Amino acid sequence: MEIEILTIGDTRITLLKSPGVVISGIQDALDLMGEASYRESYRIIVHKDQMTDAFFDLKTGIAGEILQKFSTYNLKLAIIGDFSQVTSKSLRDFIRESNRYGRINFVSTLEEAKEKLLKK
C-alpha cells in the first residue's frame, strides 16, 4: 500500500497513492486506518477507483461497516470521484447524509477533500 502524508498546518492527511482497487473489504480499510494512525494521521483521502464497487452497492453492507470503523476510531475519510451520475436513490441519500455529518465525505477534487478534512 503506497501512501503519502500531506501536512497542512498541524494536520496530517494520508493520501492513498496505490493504483487500482486497494480497499476491497473491511480488513483493507482497517489496514489503511492503522497505517495512517501509526503515522499520526487521522484523516484519509482515497479515490473512488481505489474502492471496491461493492462499497457503492449499499446492499453489501461494506459502506456501513467502513463508516462504523471510521466512527469507532475517530478518523475521517474523503472519497474523490464523480458522484453526479449516481442513479441509486439509497446511495444518493447515503452520500448526502455522509457529507452532512462529515465522517465520510464524497467530493470531486483533491482540494475539496483537503478542505472537508480540515474542518473540525
Protein backbone atom coordinates (compact mmCIF):
# COMPACT_ATOMS: atom_id res chain seq x y z
CA MET A 1 0.00 0.00 0.00
CA GLU A 2 1.57 3.25 -1.14
CA ILE A 3 0.61 6.37 0.81
CA GLU A 4 1.73 9.97 1.06
CA ILE A 5 1.36 12.11 4.16
CA LEU A 6 0.22 15.67 3.46
CA THR A 7 0.90 18.15 6.23
CA ILE A 8 -1.32 21.21 6.30
CA GLY A 9 -0.63 23.37 9.33
CA ASP A 10 -0.62 20.92 12.21
CA THR A 11 -2.89 18.41 10.47
CA ARG A 12 -1.59 15.28 8.79
CA ILE A 13 -3.68 13.77 5.99
CA THR A 14 -2.99 10.35 4.48
CA LEU A 15 -3.36 10.21 0.70
CA LEU A 16 -3.66 6.69 -0.75
CA LYS A 17 -1.42 6.59 -3.82
CA SER A 18 -1.60 2.92 -4.88
CA PRO A 19 -3.27 2.43 -8.28
CA GLY A 20 -6.33 0.25 -8.77
CA VAL A 21 -8.65 -1.21 -6.16
CA VAL A 22 -6.90 -1.18 -2.80
CA ILE A 23 -9.88 -1.32 -0.47
CA SER A 24 -11.82 -4.44 -1.35
CA GLY A 25 -13.20 -5.10 2.12
CA ILE A 26 -13.26 -4.15 5.76
CA GLN A 27 -9.79 -5.52 6.53
CA ASP A 28 -8.22 -3.38 3.79
CA ALA A 29 -9.89 -0.30 5.26
CA LEU A 30 -8.64 -1.26 8.73
CA ASP A 31 -5.11 -1.74 7.37
CA LEU A 32 -5.20 1.73 5.81
CA MET A 33 -6.58 3.22 9.02
CA GLY A 34 -3.86 1.50 11.02
CA GLU A 35 -1.12 2.74 8.71
CA ALA A 36 -2.48 6.29 8.87
CA SER A 37 -2.84 6.22 12.66
CA TYR A 38 0.70 4.86 13.02
CA ARG A 39 1.85 7.99 11.17
CA GLU A 40 -0.33 10.17 13.43
CA SER A 41 -2.73 10.96 10.60
CA TYR A 42 -6.43 10.74 11.38
CA ARG A 43 -7.74 11.91 8.02
CA ILE A 44 -7.57 9.83 4.86
CA ILE A 45 -8.15 10.57 1.16
CA VAL A 46 -8.82 7.87 -1.42
CA HIS A 47 -10.06 7.94 -5.00
CA LYS A 48 -13.31 6.28 -5.96
CA ASP A 49 -11.48 3.80 -8.22
CA GLN A 50 -9.41 2.61 -5.24
CA MET A 51 -12.60 1.34 -3.57
CA THR A 52 -14.33 -1.90 -4.47
CA ASP A 53 -17.54 -1.43 -6.45
CA ALA A 54 -19.26 -3.33 -3.64
CA PHE A 55 -18.71 -0.29 -1.39
CA PHE A 56 -21.10 1.68 -3.60
CA ASP A 57 -23.69 -1.13 -3.57
CA LEU A 58 -25.26 -0.46 -0.18
CA LYS A 59 -26.89 -3.91 -0.09
CA THR A 60 -23.46 -5.44 0.56
CA GLY A 61 -23.12 -3.57 3.86
CA ILE A 62 -19.47 -2.72 3.23
CA ALA A 63 -20.02 1.05 3.21
CA GLY A 64 -21.88 0.91 6.52
CA GLU A 65 -19.22 -1.26 8.13
CA ILE A 66 -16.41 1.01 6.94
CA LEU A 67 -18.31 4.08 8.14
CA GLN A 68 -18.70 2.42 11.54
CA LYS A 69 -14.96 1.72 11.75
CA PHE A 70 -14.11 5.34 10.90
CA SER A 71 -16.52 6.46 13.60
CA THR A 72 -15.20 3.97 16.18
CA TYR A 73 -11.58 5.00 15.61
CA ASN A 74 -12.41 8.71 15.22
CA LEU A 75 -10.98 9.07 11.73
CA LYS A 76 -12.31 10.97 8.72
CA LEU A 77 -12.39 9.85 5.08
CA ALA A 78 -12.76 11.74 1.81
CA ILE A 79 -13.51 9.82 -1.38
CA ILE A 80 -12.69 11.71 -4.57
CA GLY A 81 -14.77 10.97 -7.65
CA ASP A 82 -17.63 11.99 -9.88
CA PHE A 83 -20.78 11.14 -7.95
CA SER A 84 -23.08 13.30 -10.06
CA GLN A 85 -24.23 10.32 -12.13
CA VAL A 86 -25.32 8.15 -9.18
CA THR A 87 -28.75 6.74 -10.03
CA SER A 88 -29.46 4.77 -6.85
CA LYS A 89 -31.67 6.81 -4.51
CA SER A 90 -30.30 4.99 -1.47
CA LEU A 91 -26.70 5.73 -2.50
CA ARG A 92 -27.53 9.40 -3.22
CA ASP A 93 -29.12 9.61 0.24
CA PHE A 94 -26.09 7.91 1.82
CA ILE A 95 -23.73 10.37 0.10
CA ARG A 96 -25.82 13.37 1.17
CA GLU A 97 -26.06 12.20 4.80
CA SER A 98 -22.38 11.27 4.95
CA ASN A 99 -21.36 14.70 3.65
CA ARG A 100 -23.69 16.35 6.16
CA TYR A 101 -22.09 14.60 9.14
CA GLY A 102 -18.54 14.82 7.80
CA ARG A 103 -17.10 11.46 8.89
CA ILE A 104 -17.05 10.20 5.30
CA ASN A 105 -17.08 12.84 2.56
CA PHE A 106 -17.77 12.34 -1.12
CA VAL A 107 -16.00 15.09 -3.07
CA SER A 108 -14.95 15.99 -6.61
CA THR A 109 -11.38 17.18 -6.17
CA LEU A 110 -8.30 16.81 -4.00
CA GLU A 111 -8.65 20.43 -2.89
CA GLU A 112 -12.24 19.86 -1.81
CA ALA A 113 -11.13 16.72 0.07
CA LYS A 114 -8.48 18.67 1.97
CA GLU A 115 -10.97 21.43 2.77
CA LYS A 116 -13.55 18.96 4.15
CA LEU A 117 -10.98 17.07 6.20
CA LEU A 118 -9.53 20.20 7.76
CA LYS A 119 -12.90 21.13 9.28
CA LYS A 120 -13.09 20.26 12.96
